[in-house]
Amino acid sequence: MHRQKVLVLLAALSLWAQKPARSPAGFSGASALAFTAKAVSFGPRPPGSEQIRRLQQYITGQLKLDRCEITVDPFTAQTPLGPVRMQNIIAHFRGSSGRAVALTGHYDTKAIPGTNFVGANDGGSSTGFLLELARVLGARRVMDDVYVVWLDGEEAFVHWSDSDGIYGSRHLAARWSADGTLGRLKALVNVDMIGDRDLGILQELNSSGRLRELAWSTAAELGLSRHFLKQAAVIEDDHVPFLLKGVNALDLIDFDYGPDNSYWHTDQDTMDKLSAASFQVVGDVVLEMLKKL
């Protein structure tokens, strides 16, 4: 993601070996954290790498347990470093209303030479969060179709610009515009960097005002307002290509990660900076929002 303007211990070793719970219970922050730890265990995961291919296999393997239709959406992105093969992964939970909701996040990490950037929060947390969300949705009946989407290529290869970054969301927005899916979407909620122990979701001002108000009022009803801040930001993220095509879209992002955002895009972005409680907050709010959409 790219911030235009902002106004504004160690994890238990057993977690790394823990298999995420697969009970039909509600959203589990601990399970989302465990899914994230598994994703991070593959190492740095830039698009086209062997590590991201292993993660892709893991995601699709988990989704086979979740009673959903799985679509692997491959494409070739034209990057400043040349063409790169990427793929989005889509889990489709069918409802009966004819309308749809999308829940998205990226699963790639930025390639940062000279570091061991494993992206626990930036790329890992959205990956694990969506895996837990898919587990929950697989045990429920949904009224609207729900698309849970792991987006590839969110990070820029050189410098963030209109043509370098958010490759997967730009591709999917165009694809869904062509096949009519966008016309059925009631809302799209994107999550990014939501595992931070010191969770503070900014009011992202590119996002749909109505959806932003729904998220903040839902958090208040659940007694979680301290994590949904008054501070505002304008952030370019995976929701933007959908907004530009008229979709009601929201970005849930904590873009204050470490002192003065010092963990962002560094090798300090590790599992010990994350908390199951933060995943739980976002999971509870998103699932309650789904009931109201």
Protein backbone atom coordinates (compact mmCIF):
# COMPACT_ATOMS: atom_id res chain seq x y z
CA MET A 1 0.00 0.00 0.00
CA HIS A 2 1.06 3.60 -0.36
CA ARG A 3 0.34 6.37 2.12
CA GLN A 4 -0.21 9.75 0.49
CA LYS A 5 -0.92 11.61 3.71
CA VAL A 6 -1.45 10.54 7.28
CA LEU A 7 -2.95 12.87 9.87
CA VAL A 8 -2.76 11.26 12.46
CA LEU A 9 7.54 -11.33 23.70
CA LEU A 10 8.18 -13.33 21.22
CA ALA A 11 5.36 -15.54 19.95
CA ALA A 12 5.21 -18.90 21.70
CA LEU A 13 7.31 -21.45 19.83
CA SER A 14 4.41 -23.87 19.90
CA LEU A 15 2.40 -21.50 17.69
CA TRP A 16 4.67 -22.16 14.75
CA ALA A 17 3.97 -25.86 14.83
CA GLN A 18 0.31 -25.51 15.75
CA LYS A 19 -2.25 -26.58 13.18
CA PRO A 20 -5.06 -24.00 12.93
CA ALA A 21 -8.27 -25.13 14.57
CA ARG A 22 -10.94 -26.41 12.19
CA SER A 23 -13.94 -26.49 14.51
CA PRO A 24 -17.21 -24.98 13.24
CA ALA A 25 -17.09 -22.30 15.96
CA GLY A 26 -17.00 -18.55 15.33
CA PHE A 27 -14.02 -16.52 14.23
CA SER A 28 -10.89 -17.32 16.24
CA GLY A 29 -8.11 -14.77 16.48
CA ALA A 30 -5.78 -17.51 17.69
CA SER A 31 -6.54 -19.58 14.59
CA ALA A 32 -5.98 -16.55 12.31
CA LEU A 33 -2.64 -15.98 14.04
CA ALA A 34 -1.69 -19.62 13.52
CA PHE A 35 -2.60 -19.42 9.82
CA THR A 36 -0.42 -16.31 9.59
CA ALA A 37 2.50 -18.08 11.27
CA LYS A 38 2.22 -20.88 8.71
CA ALA A 39 2.27 -18.39 5.83
CA VAL A 40 5.28 -16.59 7.30
CA SER A 41 7.13 -19.89 7.79
CA PHE A 42 7.57 -20.11 4.02
CA GLY A 43 9.87 -17.07 4.20
CA PRO A 44 9.82 -13.98 1.95
CA ARG A 45 7.01 -14.39 -0.61
CA PRO A 46 7.38 -11.96 -3.52
CA PRO A 47 5.35 -12.67 -6.67
CA GLY A 48 6.74 -15.43 -8.85
CA SER A 49 8.96 -16.88 -6.12
CA GLU A 50 9.14 -20.51 -5.05
CA GLN A 51 8.02 -19.44 -1.58
CA ILE A 52 4.80 -17.88 -2.84
CA ARG A 53 4.10 -20.95 -4.97
CA ARG A 54 4.32 -23.06 -1.81
CA LEU A 55 1.98 -20.65 -0.05
CA GLN A 56 -0.46 -20.82 -2.96
CA GLN A 57 -0.57 -24.60 -2.59
CA TYR A 58 -1.15 -24.25 1.14
CA ILE A 59 -4.01 -21.76 0.69
CA THR A 60 -5.81 -23.88 -1.90
CA GLY A 61 -5.26 -26.99 0.23
CA GLN A 62 -6.93 -25.31 3.21
CA LEU A 63 -9.81 -24.05 1.08
CA LYS A 64 -10.64 -27.59 -0.01
CA LEU A 65 -11.77 -28.13 3.60
CA ASP A 66 -14.09 -25.10 3.56
CA ARG A 67 -16.98 -26.13 1.26
CA CYS A 68 -16.36 -23.41 -1.30
CA GLU A 69 -15.68 -23.12 -5.01
CA ILE A 70 -11.99 -22.39 -5.60
CA THR A 71 -10.79 -20.37 -8.57
CA VAL A 72 -7.12 -19.85 -9.33
CA ASP A 73 -6.83 -16.71 -11.43
CA PRO A 74 -3.41 -16.59 -13.16
CA PHE A 75 -2.19 -13.60 -15.13
CA THR A 76 1.06 -12.01 -16.29
CA ALA A 77 1.81 -8.60 -14.82
CA GLN A 78 3.92 -6.12 -16.77
CA THR A 79 6.29 -4.74 -14.13
CA PRO A 80 9.27 -2.35 -14.36
CA LEU A 81 11.45 -5.46 -14.01
CA GLY A 82 9.70 -7.29 -16.85
CA PRO A 83 6.76 -9.70 -17.02
CA VAL A 84 5.97 -11.61 -13.81
CA ARG A 85 3.53 -14.48 -13.49
CA MET A 86 1.03 -13.93 -10.67
CA GLN A 87 -2.21 -15.45 -9.50
CA ASN A 88 -5.16 -14.40 -7.38
CA ILE A 89 -6.97 -17.09 -5.40
CA ILE A 90 -10.75 -16.82 -5.02
CA ALA A 91 -12.97 -18.76 -2.63
CA HIS A 92 -16.65 -18.48 -3.58
CA PHE A 93 -19.34 -19.20 -0.99
CA ARG A 94 -22.71 -19.30 -2.76
CA GLY A 95 -25.80 -17.59 -1.38
CA SER A 96 -29.31 -17.23 -2.75
CA SER A 97 -29.95 -13.48 -3.01
CA GLY A 98 -28.24 -12.86 -6.34
CA ARG A 99 -26.10 -10.17 -4.70
CA ALA A 100 -22.51 -10.52 -3.51
CA VAL A 101 -19.90 -9.26 -1.06
CA ALA A 102 -16.11 -9.49 -1.49
CA LEU A 103 -13.52 -9.73 1.28
CA THR A 104 -9.99 -9.20 0.00
CA GLY A 105 -6.36 -8.88 1.05
CA HIS A 106 -2.91 -9.44 -0.41
CA TYR A 107 -0.69 -12.44 0.26
CA ASP A 108 2.55 -11.38 -1.43
CA THR A 109 5.46 -9.67 0.30
CA LYS A 110 7.67 -6.91 -1.03
CA ALA A 111 11.08 -7.95 -2.33
CA ILE A 112 13.55 -5.91 -0.27
CA PRO A 113 17.19 -6.74 -1.10
CA GLY A 114 19.52 -7.02 1.87
CA THR A 115 16.80 -7.92 4.35
CA ASN A 116 14.97 -11.03 5.47
CA PHE A 117 11.58 -9.38 5.07
CA VAL A 118 9.01 -12.05 5.92
CA GLY A 119 6.07 -9.64 6.13
CA ALA A 120 4.31 -11.08 9.16
CA ASN A 121 1.92 -8.12 9.28
CA ASP A 122 2.28 -6.78 5.74
CA GLY A 123 1.09 -9.68 3.65
CA GLY A 124 1.01 -12.33 6.36
CA SER A 125 -1.81 -10.98 8.50
CA SER A 126 -4.23 -10.55 5.60
CA THR A 127 -3.37 -14.07 4.39
CA GLY A 128 -4.07 -15.65 7.78
CA PHE A 129 -7.12 -13.52 8.46
CA LEU A 130 -8.78 -14.54 5.19
CA LEU A 131 -8.00 -18.22 5.77
CA GLU A 132 -9.76 -18.05 9.13
CA LEU A 133 -12.65 -16.12 7.61
CA ALA A 134 -13.04 -18.80 4.93
CA ARG A 135 -13.06 -21.49 7.62
CA VAL A 136 -15.89 -19.70 9.42
CA LEU A 137 -17.90 -19.05 6.25
CA GLY A 138 -17.54 -22.69 5.23
CA ALA A 139 -19.45 -23.68 8.36
CA ARG A 140 -22.31 -21.21 7.76
CA ARG A 141 -25.08 -20.56 5.30
CA VAL A 142 -24.77 -17.19 3.61
CA MET A 143 -27.56 -15.12 2.08
CA ASP A 144 -25.37 -13.23 -0.40
CA ASP A 145 -22.57 -14.79 -2.41
CA VAL A 146 -19.31 -14.14 -0.58
CA TYR A 147 -16.00 -13.98 -2.42
CA VAL A 148 -12.89 -14.29 -0.25
CA VAL A 149 -9.92 -13.23 -2.35
CA TRP A 150 -6.16 -13.51 -1.87
CA LEU A 151 -4.64 -10.87 -4.16
CA ASP A 152 -1.17 -11.22 -5.62
CA GLY A 153 1.18 -8.38 -6.50
CA GLU A 154 0.02 -5.66 -4.11
CA GLU A 155 3.56 -4.42 -3.55
CA ALA A 156 5.46 -2.22 -6.01
CA PHE A 157 8.57 -3.68 -7.64
CA VAL A 158 10.40 -0.35 -7.90
CA HIS A 159 8.40 2.77 -7.00
CA TRP A 160 4.69 2.91 -6.23
CA SER A 161 2.76 4.39 -9.14
CA ASP A 162 -0.40 3.90 -11.17
CA SER A 163 1.40 1.12 -13.07
CA ASP A 164 3.62 -0.37 -10.34
CA GLY A 165 1.63 -1.91 -7.50
CA ILE A 166 -1.79 -3.46 -6.77
CA TYR A 167 -1.39 -5.72 -9.82
CA GLY A 168 -3.78 -8.40 -8.60
CA SER A 169 -6.59 -6.02 -7.70
CA ARG A 170 -6.26 -4.10 -10.97
CA HIS A 171 -6.47 -7.40 -12.85
CA LEU A 172 -9.46 -8.69 -10.87
CA ALA A 173 -11.39 -5.43 -11.06
CA ALA A 174 -11.07 -5.54 -14.85
CA ARG A 175 -12.03 -9.22 -14.99
CA TRP A 176 -15.07 -8.78 -12.74
CA SER A 177 -16.14 -5.69 -14.68
CA ALA A 178 -16.10 -7.73 -17.89
CA ASP A 179 -17.96 -10.76 -16.53
CA GLY A 180 -20.61 -8.80 -14.59
CA THR A 181 -19.52 -9.71 -11.06
CA LEU A 182 -18.90 -6.07 -10.13
CA GLY A 183 -22.52 -5.24 -10.84
CA ARG A 184 -23.63 -7.74 -8.17
CA LEU A 185 -21.28 -6.49 -5.45
CA LYS A 186 -22.96 -4.76 -2.55
CA ALA A 187 -19.63 -4.09 -0.90
CA LEU A 188 -15.94 -4.96 -0.90
CA VAL A 189 -13.90 -4.90 2.32
CA ASN A 190 -10.11 -5.07 2.01
CA VAL A 191 -7.90 -5.87 5.00
CA ASP A 192 -4.21 -5.01 5.29
CA MET A 193 -1.74 -4.93 8.21
CA ILE A 194 -4.43 -5.83 10.76
CA GLY A 195 -2.38 -8.10 13.04
CA ASP A 196 -0.43 -5.38 14.89
CA ARG A 197 -0.44 -5.92 18.68
CA ASP A 198 -1.13 -2.19 19.09
CA LEU A 199 -4.09 -2.22 16.71
CA GLY A 200 -5.37 1.13 15.46
CA ILE A 201 -7.45 1.15 12.27
CA LEU A 202 -7.29 4.52 10.51
CA GLN A 203 -10.29 6.10 8.79
CA GLU A 204 -9.20 5.61 5.19
CA LEU A 205 -10.61 8.54 3.22
CA ASN A 206 -10.54 6.95 -0.24
CA SER A 207 -13.05 4.41 1.07
CA SER A 208 -16.81 4.63 0.73
CA GLY A 209 -18.14 6.88 3.49
CA ARG A 210 -21.17 4.67 4.08
CA LEU A 211 -19.06 1.55 4.57
CA ARG A 212 -16.59 3.39 6.77
CA GLU A 213 -19.45 4.61 8.97
CA LEU A 214 -20.83 1.07 9.16
CA ALA A 215 -17.46 -0.30 10.29
CA TRP A 216 -16.99 2.35 12.96
CA SER A 217 -20.55 2.10 14.29
CA THR A 218 -20.28 -1.70 14.37
CA ALA A 219 -17.02 -1.45 16.32
CA ALA A 220 -18.74 0.90 18.78
CA GLU A 221 -21.64 -1.54 19.26
CA LEU A 222 -19.13 -4.31 20.02
CA GLY A 223 -17.19 -2.15 22.48
CA LEU A 224 -14.15 -2.02 20.20
CA SER A 225 -13.98 1.69 19.40
CA ARG A 226 -10.50 2.09 20.89
CA HIS A 227 -9.17 0.14 17.90
CA PHE A 228 -11.09 2.17 15.29
CA LEU A 229 -9.48 5.58 15.41
CA LYS A 230 -10.65 9.11 14.72
CA GLN A 231 -7.43 9.81 12.83
CA ALA A 232 -7.82 9.89 9.07
CA ALA A 233 -5.56 8.91 6.19
CA VAL A 234 -5.64 8.77 2.40
CA ILE A 235 -4.16 5.41 1.41
CA GLU A 236 -3.83 3.71 -1.95
CA ASP A 237 -4.43 0.00 -1.47
CA ASP A 238 -6.11 -2.96 -3.14
CA HIS A 239 -9.57 -1.43 -2.76
CA VAL A 240 -8.80 1.48 -5.13
CA PRO A 241 -9.23 -0.30 -8.52
CA PHE A 242 -12.70 -1.38 -7.38
CA LEU A 243 -13.60 2.10 -6.13
CA LEU A 244 -12.62 3.52 -9.52
CA LYS A 245 -15.16 1.17 -11.12
CA GLY A 246 -17.94 2.30 -8.81
CA VAL A 247 -17.81 -0.43 -6.16
CA ASN A 248 -18.76 0.40 -2.57
CA ALA A 249 -15.35 -0.42 -1.03
CA LEU A 250 -13.56 -0.05 2.30
CA ASP A 251 -9.93 -0.48 3.36
CA LEU A 252 -9.32 -1.61 6.95
CA ILE A 253 -5.66 -0.87 7.65
CA ASP A 254 -3.39 -0.08 10.59
CA PHE A 255 -0.64 2.03 9.03
CA ASP A 256 1.18 2.93 12.23
CA TYR A 257 3.29 -0.17 12.77
CA GLY A 258 5.96 0.21 15.41
CA PRO A 259 7.45 3.51 16.66
CA ASP A 260 7.01 6.05 13.84
CA ASN A 261 5.93 3.15 11.57
CA SER A 262 9.47 1.78 11.85
CA TYR A 263 8.54 -1.90 11.40
CA TRP A 264 6.93 -1.34 8.01
CA HIS A 265 8.88 -2.90 5.12
CA THR A 266 11.77 -3.93 7.38
CA ASP A 267 13.01 -7.21 8.78
CA GLN A 268 11.37 -6.14 12.06
CA ASP A 269 7.99 -7.20 10.62
CA THR A 270 7.96 -10.53 12.45
CA MET A 271 5.44 -12.72 14.24
CA ASP A 272 6.26 -11.41 17.72
CA LYS A 273 4.74 -8.04 16.72
CA LEU A 274 1.31 -9.60 16.14
CA SER A 275 -1.54 -10.54 18.47
CA ALA A 276 -4.45 -12.96 18.30
CA ALA A 277 -6.53 -10.26 20.03
CA SER A 278 -6.05 -7.90 17.07
CA PHE A 279 -7.21 -10.54 14.59
CA GLN A 280 -10.21 -11.18 16.84
CA VAL A 281 -11.20 -7.50 16.82
CA VAL A 282 -11.17 -7.26 13.04
CA GLY A 283 -12.86 -10.64 12.58
CA ASP A 284 -15.69 -9.77 14.94
CA VAL A 285 -16.30 -6.42 13.23
CA VAL A 286 -16.17 -7.79 9.68
CA LEU A 287 -18.52 -10.69 10.41
CA GLU A 288 -20.99 -8.36 12.15
CA MET A 289 -20.81 -6.01 9.16
CA LEU A 290 -21.70 -8.88 6.86
CA LYS A 291 -24.97 -9.31 8.73
CA LYS A 292 -25.86 -5.66 8.14
CA LEU A 293 -24.92 -5.28 4.48
